[in-house]
Amino acid sequence: MKKIRAGFEILTPISEGGIKELQHIEKIGRVCYKSEDRITENGESAKKFVGMLIRNGHEAMIEHSSLSVKFTVDRGVSHELVRHRIASFAQESTRYCNYSNNKFGGECAYIDITPGMNLDTKMRNMSSEELTKVYTEWVSAMEDAEKHYMRMLELGATPQIARSVLPNSTKTEITITANYREWRNFFKLRVPKTAHPQMREVTIELLKELKTRIPVIFDDIESENP
């Protein structure tokens, strides 16, 4: 059994300061106003123009740019990710992946629940002893699931049948491609404290990075404290 941390990787190349991305949106958006003559090469006009679009709720224009992100999360979180319908997905398949093979290290991988427990507001008043007991129980359950999964494969079950004993904590990789407008909606739903703590484990940090790499597009969305 292998325990790993949740995370993400931005797959779409982003220009320095996100200027090219903003200029692309500006070039398209100014068609609406026939104000192409106001475009400046240094990108300052793009920052102001895209900021104006977002403030005025004219977000249809930012649908012209998209972003691909690969998440490493547990299966439970991935079930929430795929509910964002205006997006494309590619996910690690438990039908075809045989975790007894050497390419997977011959073991099942699970997303460590420790960060999620720390972000769970309803568990913050628990003592360290109580938290340790909860975590120990989780480890035992994961080891048990792995044992039964491997045994089923040994008995001749296919991966798509053996996967029935794999828990929500099973690690999965899922790539999401969506336009900027959908990513804005995504963060508004998946960053607040009402979101699942293991979802917030990755979305808070992703939003922080995107605010740095693509200013204006995500600046107005609050990155709540854990």
Foldseek 3Di string as FASTA:
>chain_A
DAEDAKEKDWDDDADFQNLVLLVVLVVVVCVVVVVVVPDDPVSPVSLVVLLVCVVVVVCVSQQVAKTKMKIKFFQVVVVVVPVLPQKDKDKDDLQADDCCDVVNPRWFYFYQCVQLLVLQPVNVPPDPVVVVVVNVVVVVLQVVLGVQLVVCVVVPDHSNVSCVSHDRRTIMMMMIMGGLVSVLVVLLPQQDSVHRSRSNSYSLVVLVVCCRRHPSSRVVRDSDDD
